[in-house]
Amino acid sequence: MNDSAENHVPWILWPFYALWKLLTLILSITGRIICALLGMAMMVAGVAISMSVIGAIIGIPLASFGFLLAIRALF
């Protein structure tokens, strides 16, 4: 199926549809930025915790999870 047949919006509802699309765009961009910032913070915290031998048990998984969050924010 093509997308134009599924997304047919009556002309009277078009302003609400456009507002909804704008809102979802803003929220998706904000979510990506928050995800990237949180990933960077977790990587920094994981590396800082890993400076001690005992903290490496928690720091390495924390840094790797932060890296995965940052990658998820990019793609």
N, C-alpha and C. Protein backbone atom coordinates (compact mmCIF):
# COMPACT_ATOMS: atom_id res chain seq x y z
N MET A 1 0.84 -1.18 0.00
CA MET A 1 0.00 0.00 0.00
C MET A 1 0.88 1.24 0.00
N ASN A 2 0.35 2.29 -0.58
CA ASN A 2 1.12 3.53 -0.52
C ASN A 2 0.67 4.37 0.66
N ASP A 3 1.52 5.29 1.06
CA ASP A 3 1.26 6.07 2.27
C ASP A 3 0.20 7.14 2.06
N SER A 4 0.03 7.62 0.84
CA SER A 4 -0.94 8.70 0.63
C SER A 4 -2.38 8.22 0.83
N ALA A 5 -2.67 6.96 0.55
CA ALA A 5 -4.01 6.44 0.75
C ALA A 5 -4.31 6.25 2.23
N GLU A 6 -3.29 5.93 3.03
CA GLU A 6 -3.50 5.69 4.44
C GLU A 6 -3.58 6.99 5.24
N ASN A 7 -2.91 8.06 4.80
CA ASN A 7 -2.84 9.30 5.55
C ASN A 7 -3.74 10.38 4.98
N HIS A 8 -4.85 10.02 4.40
CA HIS A 8 -5.77 11.01 3.86
C HIS A 8 -6.47 11.74 5.01
N VAL A 9 -6.25 13.04 5.05
CA VAL A 9 -6.83 13.86 6.11
C VAL A 9 -7.83 14.82 5.47
N PRO A 10 -9.06 14.85 5.97
CA PRO A 10 -10.02 15.81 5.43
C PRO A 10 -9.52 17.25 5.60
N TRP A 11 -9.88 18.10 4.68
CA TRP A 11 -9.35 19.47 4.69
C TRP A 11 -9.74 20.23 5.93
N ILE A 12 -10.88 19.91 6.53
CA ILE A 12 -11.31 20.64 7.73
C ILE A 12 -10.48 20.27 8.96
N LEU A 13 -9.88 19.08 8.95
CA LEU A 13 -9.05 18.64 10.07
C LEU A 13 -7.57 18.90 9.84
N TRP A 14 -7.19 19.47 8.69
CA TRP A 14 -5.79 19.67 8.37
C TRP A 14 -5.04 20.53 9.37
N PRO A 15 -5.60 21.63 9.93
CA PRO A 15 -4.84 22.41 10.91
C PRO A 15 -4.48 21.60 12.16
N PHE A 16 -5.39 20.75 12.62
CA PHE A 16 -5.09 19.90 13.78
C PHE A 16 -4.03 18.86 13.44
N TYR A 17 -4.10 18.33 12.23
CA TYR A 17 -3.11 17.35 11.78
C TYR A 17 -1.73 18.00 11.69
N ALA A 18 -1.65 19.20 11.16
CA ALA A 18 -0.37 19.90 11.03
C ALA A 18 0.20 20.23 12.41
N LEU A 19 -0.66 20.65 13.33
CA LEU A 19 -0.21 20.95 14.68
C LEU A 19 0.30 19.69 15.37
N TRP A 20 -0.37 18.58 15.18
CA TRP A 20 0.05 17.32 15.78
C TRP A 20 1.39 16.87 15.21
N LYS A 21 1.58 17.00 13.89
CA LYS A 21 2.85 16.64 13.27
C LYS A 21 3.99 17.51 13.79
N LEU A 22 3.73 18.81 13.98
CA LEU A 22 4.74 19.72 14.53
C LEU A 22 5.11 19.33 15.96
N LEU A 23 4.12 18.99 16.76
CA LEU A 23 4.35 18.58 18.13
C LEU A 23 5.17 17.30 18.20
N THR A 24 4.87 16.33 17.36
CA THR A 24 5.64 15.08 17.36
C THR A 24 7.07 15.31 16.88
N LEU A 25 7.27 16.23 15.95
CA LEU A 25 8.62 16.55 15.49
C LEU A 25 9.44 17.18 16.62
N ILE A 26 8.84 18.13 17.33
CA ILE A 26 9.53 18.80 18.44
C ILE A 26 9.87 17.80 19.54
N LEU A 27 8.94 16.93 19.88
CA LEU A 27 9.20 15.94 20.93
C LEU A 27 10.25 14.92 20.53
N SER A 28 10.28 14.52 19.27
CA SER A 28 11.29 13.56 18.84
C SER A 28 12.69 14.19 18.85
N ILE A 29 12.80 15.44 18.43
CA ILE A 29 14.10 16.11 18.47
C ILE A 29 14.56 16.31 19.90
N THR A 30 13.64 16.72 20.78
CA THR A 30 13.98 16.90 22.19
C THR A 30 14.41 15.58 22.82
N GLY A 31 13.72 14.51 22.50
CA GLY A 31 14.08 13.20 23.04
C GLY A 31 15.46 12.76 22.60
N ARG A 32 15.81 13.02 21.34
CA ARG A 32 17.14 12.65 20.86
C ARG A 32 18.22 13.45 21.57
N ILE A 33 17.98 14.74 21.79
CA ILE A 33 18.97 15.57 22.47
C ILE A 33 19.15 15.11 23.91
N ILE A 34 18.06 14.83 24.60
CA ILE A 34 18.14 14.36 25.99
C ILE A 34 18.85 13.01 26.05
N CYS A 35 18.57 12.14 25.10
CA CYS A 35 19.22 10.83 25.06
C CYS A 35 20.72 10.97 24.85
N ALA A 36 21.12 11.88 23.97
CA ALA A 36 22.55 12.08 23.71
C ALA A 36 23.24 12.67 24.94
N LEU A 37 22.62 13.64 25.58
CA LEU A 37 23.22 14.25 26.77
C LEU A 37 23.31 13.25 27.92
N LEU A 38 22.29 12.46 28.10
CA LEU A 38 22.29 11.44 29.15
C LEU A 38 23.36 10.37 28.87
N GLY A 39 23.51 10.00 27.61
CA GLY A 39 24.54 9.03 27.24
C GLY A 39 25.94 9.57 27.51
N MET A 40 26.17 10.83 27.16
CA MET A 40 27.48 11.43 27.41
C MET A 40 27.76 11.52 28.92
N ALA A 41 26.76 11.90 29.69
CA ALA A 41 26.94 11.99 31.14
C ALA A 41 27.23 10.63 31.75
N MET A 42 26.55 9.59 31.26
CA MET A 42 26.79 8.25 31.78
C MET A 42 28.17 7.75 31.39
N MET A 43 28.65 8.11 30.19
CA MET A 43 30.00 7.71 29.82
C MET A 43 31.05 8.38 30.70
N VAL A 44 30.87 9.67 30.95
CA VAL A 44 31.81 10.40 31.81
C VAL A 44 31.78 9.82 33.23
N ALA A 45 30.59 9.57 33.74
CA ALA A 45 30.49 9.01 35.09
C ALA A 45 31.09 7.60 35.15
N GLY A 46 30.87 6.80 34.13
CA GLY A 46 31.44 5.46 34.10
C GLY A 46 32.95 5.46 34.06
N VAL A 47 33.52 6.37 33.27
CA VAL A 47 34.98 6.47 33.21
C VAL A 47 35.52 6.98 34.54
N ALA A 48 34.84 7.95 35.15
CA ALA A 48 35.30 8.47 36.44
C ALA A 48 35.23 7.41 37.53
N ILE A 49 34.19 6.61 37.53
CA ILE A 49 34.05 5.55 38.53
C ILE A 49 35.08 4.45 38.28
N SER A 50 35.42 4.22 37.01
CA SER A 50 36.37 3.15 36.67
C SER A 50 37.80 3.47 37.05
N MET A 51 38.07 4.66 37.52
CA MET A 51 39.44 5.00 37.90
C MET A 51 39.94 4.16 39.08
N SER A 52 39.01 3.71 39.90
CA SER A 52 39.42 2.82 40.98
C SER A 52 39.15 1.37 40.55
N VAL A 53 39.88 0.46 41.12
CA VAL A 53 39.75 -0.95 40.73
C VAL A 53 38.39 -1.49 41.16
N ILE A 54 37.95 -1.13 42.34
CA ILE A 54 36.66 -1.62 42.84
C ILE A 54 35.50 -1.03 42.02
N GLY A 55 35.64 0.23 41.62
CA GLY A 55 34.58 0.89 40.87
C GLY A 55 34.46 0.43 39.43
N ALA A 56 35.47 -0.30 38.95
CA ALA A 56 35.43 -0.78 37.56
C ALA A 56 34.29 -1.76 37.32
N ILE A 57 33.88 -2.43 38.37
CA ILE A 57 32.77 -3.38 38.24
C ILE A 57 31.48 -2.66 37.83
N ILE A 58 31.29 -1.47 38.33
CA ILE A 58 30.10 -0.67 37.99
C ILE A 58 30.40 0.30 36.87
N GLY A 59 31.61 0.84 36.81
CA GLY A 59 31.95 1.88 35.87
C GLY A 59 31.98 1.44 34.42
N ILE A 60 32.51 0.26 34.15
CA ILE A 60 32.61 -0.21 32.76
C ILE A 60 31.22 -0.46 32.15
N PRO A 61 30.31 -1.16 32.83
CA PRO A 61 28.96 -1.30 32.25
C PRO A 61 28.23 0.04 32.12
N LEU A 62 28.47 0.95 33.07
CA LEU A 62 27.83 2.27 33.00
C LEU A 62 28.33 3.04 31.79
N ALA A 63 29.63 3.01 31.55
CA ALA A 63 30.20 3.70 30.39
C ALA A 63 29.74 3.07 29.07
N SER A 64 29.65 1.75 29.03
CA SER A 64 29.20 1.10 27.81
C SER A 64 27.72 1.37 27.54
N PHE A 65 26.92 1.41 28.60
CA PHE A 65 25.50 1.74 28.42
C PHE A 65 25.35 3.19 27.95
N GLY A 66 26.15 4.09 28.47
CA GLY A 66 26.14 5.47 28.01
C GLY A 66 26.53 5.59 26.55
N PHE A 67 27.52 4.79 26.14
CA PHE A 67 27.93 4.78 24.74
C PHE A 67 26.79 4.30 23.84
N LEU A 68 26.10 3.26 24.26
CA LEU A 68 24.98 2.75 23.48
C LEU A 68 23.84 3.77 23.39
N LEU A 69 23.60 4.51 24.47
CA LEU A 69 22.59 5.56 24.44
C LEU A 69 22.97 6.67 23.46
N ALA A 70 24.25 7.05 23.46
CA ALA A 70 24.70 8.09 22.54
C ALA A 70 24.59 7.64 21.09
N ILE A 71 24.92 6.38 20.83
CA ILE A 71 24.77 5.85 19.47
C ILE A 71 23.30 5.81 19.06
N ARG A 72 22.43 5.44 20.00
CA ARG A 72 20.99 5.40 19.71
C ARG A 72 20.45 6.79 19.39
N ALA A 73 20.99 7.81 20.02
CA ALA A 73 20.54 9.16 19.75
C ALA A 73 20.93 9.62 18.35
N LEU A 74 22.03 9.08 17.85
CA LEU A 74 22.47 9.49 16.51
C LEU A 74 21.70 8.80 15.39
N PHE A 75 21.33 7.55 15.60
CA PHE A 75 20.67 6.80 14.53
C PHE A 75 19.28 6.49 14.89
